[in-house]
Amino acid sequence: MKIASTSAYGENRGRFPLEELRKFDGKWVAFSADGQRVVASAPTITELANQVRTAKSNLHEVVLERIELDTDEIYLGGAELL
């Protein structure tokens, strides 16, 4: 199991261009544990979890985040799915 490094994740996730993130506005996104790539995205966290499992990725190896570009709130989640 990979453990997300908070500093590495934050640094890499912060490099995502705004234009790239616009594709995911209003959706849940599973980022790789290092924050370098998007593994999957979906409108609901349940659909996202199913996509991650279908892609044969482990929920322990991704960071789930809801992308809301028009707000200052950050939605992190997924503990209830484990």
Protein backbone atom coordinates (compact mmCIF):
# COMPACT_ATOMS: atom_id res chain seq x y z
CA MET A 1 0.00 0.00 0.00
CA LYS A 2 1.30 3.46 -0.91
CA ILE A 3 0.93 6.17 1.68
CA ALA A 4 0.30 9.65 0.35
CA SER A 5 3.03 12.07 1.35
CA THR A 6 1.26 15.26 2.27
CA SER A 7 4.07 17.51 1.11
CA ALA A 8 4.68 15.65 -2.18
CA TYR A 9 0.95 15.41 -2.88
CA GLY A 10 0.38 19.09 -2.16
CA GLU A 11 3.33 20.19 -4.25
CA ASN A 12 2.45 18.01 -7.26
CA ARG A 13 -1.30 18.60 -7.01
CA GLY A 14 -0.65 22.33 -6.91
CA ARG A 15 1.02 22.09 -10.32
CA PHE A 16 -2.19 21.05 -12.09
CA PRO A 17 -3.14 23.84 -14.49
CA LEU A 18 -6.49 25.49 -13.84
CA GLU A 19 -7.58 24.70 -17.39
CA GLU A 20 -6.98 20.99 -16.75
CA LEU A 21 -8.97 21.11 -13.51
CA ARG A 22 -11.91 22.83 -15.25
CA LYS A 23 -12.72 19.47 -16.89
CA PHE A 24 -13.46 18.13 -13.40
CA ASP A 25 -15.38 21.08 -11.95
CA GLY A 26 -18.21 19.78 -9.76
CA LYS A 27 -16.87 16.21 -9.81
CA TRP A 28 -15.00 13.90 -7.48
CA VAL A 29 -11.47 13.12 -8.64
CA ALA A 30 -9.07 10.37 -7.60
CA PHE A 31 -5.50 11.63 -7.79
CA SER A 32 -2.50 9.33 -7.57
CA ALA A 33 -0.97 9.23 -4.09
CA ASP A 34 1.87 11.47 -5.26
CA GLY A 35 -0.55 13.99 -6.79
CA GLN A 36 0.94 13.74 -10.27
CA ARG A 37 -1.98 12.31 -12.23
CA VAL A 38 -5.74 11.85 -12.28
CA VAL A 39 -6.72 8.19 -11.89
CA ALA A 40 -10.49 8.66 -12.35
CA SER A 41 -13.33 11.17 -11.99
CA ALA A 42 -17.09 10.94 -11.47
CA PRO A 43 -20.06 13.03 -10.34
CA THR A 44 -20.44 11.09 -7.06
CA ILE A 45 -17.96 9.61 -4.64
CA THR A 46 -19.62 6.19 -4.98
CA GLU A 47 -19.23 6.21 -8.77
CA LEU A 48 -15.64 7.34 -8.34
CA ALA A 49 -14.86 4.48 -5.95
CA ASN A 50 -16.34 2.03 -8.46
CA GLN A 51 -14.22 3.48 -11.27
CA VAL A 52 -11.07 3.24 -9.15
CA ARG A 53 -11.84 -0.40 -8.35
CA THR A 54 -12.68 -1.15 -12.00
CA ALA A 55 -9.33 0.33 -13.02
CA LYS A 56 -7.81 -2.18 -10.59
CA SER A 57 -6.47 0.64 -8.45
CA ASN A 58 -6.63 0.45 -4.70
CA LEU A 59 -8.59 3.10 -2.79
CA HIS A 60 -5.65 3.20 -0.37
CA GLU A 61 -3.40 4.39 -3.20
CA VAL A 62 -5.37 7.44 -4.30
CA VAL A 63 -6.43 10.75 -2.80
CA LEU A 64 -10.08 11.63 -3.34
CA GLU A 65 -10.96 15.27 -3.81
CA ARG A 66 -14.04 17.12 -5.00
CA ILE A 67 -13.17 19.89 -7.44
CA GLU A 68 -15.19 23.06 -6.89
CA LEU A 69 -13.58 25.94 -8.73
CA ASP A 70 -16.08 28.63 -7.69
CA THR A 71 -15.60 28.14 -3.95
CA ASP A 72 -12.81 28.30 -1.41
CA GLU A 73 -13.93 25.06 0.24
CA ILE A 74 -11.91 21.85 -0.11
CA TYR A 75 -13.65 18.49 -0.11
CA LEU A 76 -11.45 15.52 0.75
CA GLY A 77 -13.06 12.21 1.48
CA GLY A 78 -13.34 8.54 1.03
CA ALA A 79 -12.79 7.11 4.52
CA GLU A 80 -16.39 5.95 4.60
CA LEU A 81 -15.75 3.77 1.52
CA LEU A 82 -13.03 1.61 3.08
